[in-house]
Amino acid sequence: MEKLIACCGLNCEACDARVATLQDSDELRKATAETWKKMYNAPEIPFEAINCTGCRMEGVKFSHCTVCEIRNCVQKKGYETCGDCAEMVSCAIVAMVHKHVPEAIENLKRLN
C-alpha cells in the first residue's frame, strides 16, 4: 500500500491530525493539540483546529497549510511534491523537515 505523502515528504497517513479528522475523534484532537503545543512552542493551538485530510488531498487542512512555505513553493512551481524539484537536496526551505525526519526524503524518492 502506497503512503499518502505530503509535499515535503512527511507521511500524512501517520499524522495524528489526519487520523483524528478521519475518525472524527476529539480525544485524539486534544492529545495532538497538547503534543504540538509543546513540540512547536505554540500554546495557541486549540484542539478544534486539529483537522486535516492531508497536504495534497482534497478537503480540510490544518491552518498551518495555508502559510506553509514548502507547500506554497511546490504549488507555485506546479509540482506535486518537493521530489519533483531538482533543487530538493540543496533546498533551504525543506531542509528542516528532512533534517529532523530523514524518512521524508526517502518517501519523496520512492514517489519518483
N, C-alpha and C. Protein backbone atom coordinates (compact mmCIF):
# COMPACT_ATOMS: atom_id res chain seq x y z
N MET A 1 0.83 -1.18 0.00
CA MET A 1 0.00 0.00 0.00
C MET A 1 0.88 1.24 0.00
N GLU A 2 0.63 2.18 -0.91
CA GLU A 2 1.41 3.40 -1.02
C GLU A 2 0.99 4.38 0.07
N LYS A 3 1.98 5.04 0.64
CA LYS A 3 1.72 6.03 1.67
C LYS A 3 1.17 7.31 1.05
N LEU A 4 0.42 8.05 1.82
CA LEU A 4 -0.05 9.37 1.42
C LEU A 4 1.04 10.36 1.83
N ILE A 5 1.79 10.86 0.87
CA ILE A 5 2.96 11.67 1.14
C ILE A 5 2.66 13.16 0.93
N ALA A 6 3.07 13.96 1.90
CA ALA A 6 2.91 15.41 1.83
C ALA A 6 3.92 16.01 0.86
N CYS A 7 3.76 17.27 0.56
CA CYS A 7 4.68 17.98 -0.34
C CYS A 7 6.13 17.85 0.10
N CYS A 8 6.37 17.89 1.40
CA CYS A 8 7.71 17.84 1.96
C CYS A 8 8.25 16.42 2.11
N GLY A 9 7.37 15.43 2.00
CA GLY A 9 7.79 14.05 2.14
C GLY A 9 7.29 13.37 3.40
N LEU A 10 6.68 14.14 4.31
CA LEU A 10 6.13 13.50 5.51
C LEU A 10 5.00 12.56 5.13
N ASN A 11 4.80 11.55 5.94
CA ASN A 11 3.77 10.56 5.70
C ASN A 11 2.46 11.02 6.36
N CYS A 12 1.54 11.54 5.57
CA CYS A 12 0.28 12.05 6.10
C CYS A 12 -0.56 10.94 6.75
N GLU A 13 -0.41 9.72 6.27
CA GLU A 13 -1.20 8.63 6.85
C GLU A 13 -0.88 8.43 8.32
N ALA A 14 0.34 8.75 8.72
CA ALA A 14 0.76 8.56 10.11
C ALA A 14 0.52 9.79 10.97
N CYS A 15 0.01 10.86 10.37
CA CYS A 15 -0.20 12.12 11.09
C CYS A 15 -1.45 12.03 11.97
N ASP A 16 -1.28 12.36 13.24
CA ASP A 16 -2.41 12.30 14.18
C ASP A 16 -3.53 13.26 13.81
N ALA A 17 -3.21 14.38 13.18
CA ALA A 17 -4.26 15.32 12.76
C ALA A 17 -5.15 14.67 11.70
N ARG A 18 -4.55 13.99 10.75
CA ARG A 18 -5.33 13.33 9.70
C ARG A 18 -6.15 12.18 10.30
N VAL A 19 -5.53 11.39 11.16
CA VAL A 19 -6.23 10.27 11.78
C VAL A 19 -7.41 10.79 12.60
N ALA A 20 -7.19 11.85 13.38
CA ALA A 20 -8.27 12.43 14.19
C ALA A 20 -9.41 12.93 13.31
N THR A 21 -9.06 13.51 12.16
CA THR A 21 -10.07 14.01 11.23
C THR A 21 -10.89 12.86 10.65
N LEU A 22 -10.20 11.84 10.17
CA LEU A 22 -10.90 10.71 9.56
C LEU A 22 -11.76 9.94 10.56
N GLN A 23 -11.28 9.86 11.80
CA GLN A 23 -12.03 9.16 12.85
C GLN A 23 -12.99 10.08 13.59
N ASP A 24 -12.94 11.37 13.29
CA ASP A 24 -13.72 12.39 13.99
C ASP A 24 -13.59 12.21 15.50
N SER A 25 -12.33 12.16 15.95
CA SER A 25 -12.02 11.90 17.35
C SER A 25 -11.54 13.15 18.07
N ASP A 26 -12.39 13.70 18.93
CA ASP A 26 -11.99 14.87 19.71
C ASP A 26 -10.91 14.50 20.73
N GLU A 27 -10.91 13.27 21.21
CA GLU A 27 -9.87 12.84 22.15
C GLU A 27 -8.50 12.89 21.49
N LEU A 28 -8.39 12.39 20.26
CA LEU A 28 -7.12 12.44 19.55
C LEU A 28 -6.77 13.87 19.16
N ARG A 29 -7.77 14.69 18.83
CA ARG A 29 -7.51 16.11 18.55
C ARG A 29 -6.91 16.78 19.78
N LYS A 30 -7.48 16.51 20.95
CA LYS A 30 -6.98 17.12 22.19
C LYS A 30 -5.56 16.66 22.48
N ALA A 31 -5.29 15.39 22.33
CA ALA A 31 -3.95 14.86 22.58
C ALA A 31 -2.95 15.44 21.59
N THR A 32 -3.34 15.55 20.33
CA THR A 32 -2.46 16.09 19.30
C THR A 32 -2.17 17.57 19.57
N ALA A 33 -3.20 18.32 19.93
CA ALA A 33 -3.01 19.74 20.24
C ALA A 33 -2.03 19.91 21.39
N GLU A 34 -2.17 19.10 22.43
CA GLU A 34 -1.26 19.19 23.57
C GLU A 34 0.18 18.86 23.16
N THR A 35 0.34 17.83 22.37
CA THR A 35 1.67 17.44 21.89
C THR A 35 2.28 18.55 21.04
N TRP A 36 1.52 19.07 20.10
CA TRP A 36 2.03 20.11 19.20
C TRP A 36 2.31 21.41 19.93
N LYS A 37 1.52 21.73 20.96
CA LYS A 37 1.78 22.94 21.74
C LYS A 37 3.18 22.90 22.32
N LYS A 38 3.56 21.74 22.85
CA LYS A 38 4.88 21.58 23.45
C LYS A 38 5.96 21.46 22.37
N MET A 39 5.71 20.63 21.38
CA MET A 39 6.69 20.35 20.34
C MET A 39 7.06 21.59 19.54
N TYR A 40 6.06 22.41 19.23
CA TYR A 40 6.28 23.58 18.38
C TYR A 40 6.24 24.90 19.15
N ASN A 41 6.20 24.81 20.48
CA ASN A 41 6.12 26.00 21.32
C ASN A 41 5.02 26.92 20.82
N ALA A 42 3.84 26.33 20.67
CA ALA A 42 2.70 27.05 20.11
C ALA A 42 1.49 26.88 21.03
N PRO A 43 1.47 27.59 22.14
CA PRO A 43 0.39 27.40 23.12
C PRO A 43 -0.99 27.80 22.62
N GLU A 44 -1.06 28.46 21.47
CA GLU A 44 -2.35 28.95 20.97
C GLU A 44 -3.12 27.93 20.13
N ILE A 45 -2.63 26.71 19.98
CA ILE A 45 -3.31 25.72 19.14
C ILE A 45 -4.52 25.15 19.88
N PRO A 46 -5.72 25.48 19.45
CA PRO A 46 -6.91 24.87 20.08
C PRO A 46 -7.15 23.49 19.46
N PHE A 47 -7.69 22.58 20.24
CA PHE A 47 -7.90 21.23 19.72
C PHE A 47 -8.87 21.22 18.54
N GLU A 48 -9.77 22.20 18.49
CA GLU A 48 -10.73 22.26 17.38
C GLU A 48 -10.04 22.54 16.04
N ALA A 49 -8.81 23.04 16.09
CA ALA A 49 -8.06 23.33 14.85
C ALA A 49 -7.39 22.10 14.27
N ILE A 50 -7.41 21.01 15.01
CA ILE A 50 -6.75 19.79 14.55
C ILE A 50 -7.68 19.05 13.59
N ASN A 51 -7.62 19.48 12.34
CA ASN A 51 -8.41 18.87 11.26
C ASN A 51 -7.58 18.96 9.98
N CYS A 52 -7.38 17.84 9.32
CA CYS A 52 -6.62 17.83 8.08
C CYS A 52 -6.85 16.50 7.36
N THR A 53 -7.04 16.58 6.07
CA THR A 53 -7.20 15.36 5.27
C THR A 53 -5.90 14.96 4.59
N GLY A 54 -4.89 15.80 4.69
CA GLY A 54 -3.60 15.54 4.07
C GLY A 54 -3.21 16.69 3.17
N CYS A 55 -1.96 16.97 3.14
CA CYS A 55 -1.41 18.12 2.42
C CYS A 55 -1.83 18.19 0.95
N ARG A 56 -1.85 17.04 0.30
CA ARG A 56 -2.13 17.03 -1.14
C ARG A 56 -3.51 16.46 -1.47
N MET A 57 -4.33 16.26 -0.47
CA MET A 57 -5.67 15.70 -0.68
C MET A 57 -6.72 16.81 -0.63
N GLU A 58 -7.83 16.55 -1.29
CA GLU A 58 -8.97 17.47 -1.20
C GLU A 58 -9.50 17.43 0.23
N GLY A 59 -10.06 18.52 0.67
CA GLY A 59 -10.68 18.55 1.98
C GLY A 59 -10.01 19.54 2.91
N VAL A 60 -10.41 19.49 4.15
CA VAL A 60 -9.95 20.41 5.17
C VAL A 60 -8.44 20.28 5.39
N LYS A 61 -7.81 21.41 5.72
CA LYS A 61 -6.38 21.45 6.00
C LYS A 61 -6.16 22.09 7.37
N PHE A 62 -5.11 21.66 8.03
CA PHE A 62 -4.69 22.32 9.26
C PHE A 62 -4.32 23.75 8.92
N SER A 63 -4.57 24.69 9.78
CA SER A 63 -4.39 26.11 9.48
C SER A 63 -2.97 26.43 8.99
N HIS A 64 -1.99 25.73 9.45
CA HIS A 64 -0.61 25.99 9.00
C HIS A 64 -0.44 25.76 7.50
N CYS A 65 -1.21 24.87 6.92
CA CYS A 65 -1.06 24.55 5.49
C CYS A 65 -1.21 25.76 4.58
N THR A 66 -2.04 26.70 4.97
CA THR A 66 -2.24 27.87 4.12
C THR A 66 -1.02 28.79 4.08
N VAL A 67 -0.18 28.70 5.09
CA VAL A 67 1.03 29.52 5.14
C VAL A 67 2.31 28.68 5.03
N CYS A 68 2.17 27.40 4.83
CA CYS A 68 3.34 26.51 4.75
C CYS A 68 4.20 26.90 3.55
N GLU A 69 5.40 27.33 3.83
CA GLU A 69 6.31 27.78 2.78
C GLU A 69 6.65 26.65 1.80
N ILE A 70 6.74 25.44 2.31
CA ILE A 70 7.05 24.29 1.46
C ILE A 70 5.90 24.02 0.50
N ARG A 71 4.71 23.90 1.04
CA ARG A 71 3.53 23.62 0.21
C ARG A 71 3.30 24.74 -0.81
N ASN A 72 3.45 25.98 -0.37
CA ASN A 72 3.26 27.12 -1.29
C ASN A 72 4.30 27.12 -2.41
N CYS A 73 5.54 26.76 -2.10
CA CYS A 73 6.59 26.68 -3.11
C CYS A 73 6.27 25.59 -4.14
N VAL A 74 5.88 24.43 -3.66
CA VAL A 74 5.53 23.31 -4.55
C VAL A 74 4.39 23.73 -5.48
N GLN A 75 3.35 24.34 -4.92
CA GLN A 75 2.21 24.75 -5.73
C GLN A 75 2.60 25.84 -6.73
N LYS A 76 3.43 26.80 -6.30
CA LYS A 76 3.86 27.89 -7.18
C LYS A 76 4.64 27.35 -8.38
N LYS A 77 5.45 26.32 -8.14
CA LYS A 77 6.24 25.73 -9.22
C LYS A 77 5.45 24.73 -10.06
N GLY A 78 4.24 24.41 -9.62
CA GLY A 78 3.41 23.48 -10.37
C GLY A 78 3.80 22.02 -10.17
N TYR A 79 4.47 21.73 -9.06
CA TYR A 79 4.89 20.36 -8.76
C TYR A 79 3.86 19.66 -7.89
N GLU A 80 4.02 18.35 -7.79
CA GLU A 80 3.21 17.57 -6.84
C GLU A 80 3.86 17.59 -5.46
N THR A 81 5.19 17.40 -5.43
CA THR A 81 5.95 17.37 -4.18
C THR A 81 7.32 17.99 -4.41
N CYS A 82 8.07 18.14 -3.34
CA CYS A 82 9.45 18.60 -3.45
C CYS A 82 10.31 17.62 -4.24
N GLY A 83 9.89 16.37 -4.28
CA GLY A 83 10.62 15.36 -5.03
C GLY A 83 10.67 15.63 -6.52
N ASP A 84 9.79 16.48 -7.02
CA ASP A 84 9.78 16.84 -8.44
C ASP A 84 10.78 17.95 -8.75
N CYS A 85 11.34 18.55 -7.73
CA CYS A 85 12.22 19.71 -7.89
C CYS A 85 13.69 19.29 -7.90
N ALA A 86 14.43 19.77 -8.87
CA ALA A 86 15.86 19.46 -8.99
C ALA A 86 16.66 20.05 -7.83
N GLU A 87 16.10 21.03 -7.14
CA GLU A 87 16.80 21.69 -6.03
C GLU A 87 16.50 21.09 -4.66
N MET A 88 15.74 20.00 -4.61
CA MET A 88 15.30 19.45 -3.33
C MET A 88 16.45 19.20 -2.35
N VAL A 89 17.51 18.58 -2.79
CA VAL A 89 18.61 18.20 -1.90
C VAL A 89 19.28 19.42 -1.28
N SER A 90 19.36 20.51 -2.02
CA SER A 90 20.03 21.71 -1.52
C SER A 90 19.05 22.78 -1.03
N CYS A 91 17.78 22.50 -1.03
CA CYS A 91 16.75 23.49 -0.70
C CYS A 91 16.73 23.82 0.79
N ALA A 92 16.87 25.09 1.10
CA ALA A 92 16.82 25.55 2.49
C ALA A 92 15.40 25.52 3.05
N ILE A 93 14.41 25.61 2.18
CA ILE A 93 13.02 25.65 2.64
C ILE A 93 12.61 24.31 3.27
N VAL A 94 12.95 23.21 2.63
CA VAL A 94 12.53 21.90 3.11
C VAL A 94 13.59 21.23 4.00
N ALA A 95 14.74 21.86 4.12
CA ALA A 95 15.87 21.27 4.86
C ALA A 95 15.53 20.89 6.29
N MET A 96 14.78 21.72 6.99
CA MET A 96 14.47 21.43 8.40
C MET A 96 13.64 20.17 8.55
N VAL A 97 12.69 19.98 7.66
CA VAL A 97 11.89 18.76 7.72
C VAL A 97 12.80 17.56 7.50
N HIS A 98 13.62 17.63 6.47
CA HIS A 98 14.47 16.50 6.14
C HIS A 98 15.57 16.26 7.18
N LYS A 99 15.99 17.32 7.86
CA LYS A 99 16.97 17.18 8.94
C LYS A 99 16.38 16.38 10.10
N HIS A 100 15.14 16.67 10.45
CA HIS A 100 14.51 16.03 11.61
C HIS A 100 13.78 14.74 11.26
N VAL A 101 13.40 14.58 9.99
CA VAL A 101 12.70 13.37 9.56
C VAL A 101 13.32 12.89 8.24
N PRO A 102 14.48 12.23 8.31
CA PRO A 102 15.16 11.78 7.09
C PRO A 102 14.31 10.85 6.23
N GLU A 103 13.37 10.16 6.84
CA GLU A 103 12.45 9.28 6.10
C GLU A 103 11.68 10.06 5.03
N ALA A 104 11.49 11.36 5.26
CA ALA A 104 10.73 12.18 4.32
C ALA A 104 11.43 12.22 2.95
N ILE A 105 12.74 12.28 2.95
CA ILE A 105 13.49 12.28 1.68
C ILE A 105 13.27 10.96 0.96
N GLU A 106 13.34 9.87 1.69
CA GLU A 106 13.14 8.55 1.09
C GLU A 106 11.72 8.41 0.54
N ASN A 107 10.74 8.95 1.25
CA ASN A 107 9.36 8.92 0.76
C ASN A 107 9.25 9.63 -0.58
N LEU A 108 9.89 10.78 -0.71
CA LEU A 108 9.85 11.54 -1.96
C LEU A 108 10.56 10.79 -3.09
N LYS A 109 11.67 10.18 -2.79
CA LYS A 109 12.41 9.42 -3.79
C LYS A 109 11.59 8.24 -4.30
N ARG A 110 10.85 7.61 -3.39
CA ARG A 110 10.00 6.46 -3.79
C ARG A 110 8.85 6.87 -4.69
N LEU A 111 8.40 8.10 -4.57
CA LEU A 111 7.31 8.58 -5.43
C LEU A 111 7.76 8.73 -6.87
N ASN A 112 9.03 9.01 -7.07
CA ASN A 112 9.54 9.28 -8.41
C ASN A 112 10.15 8.07 -9.04
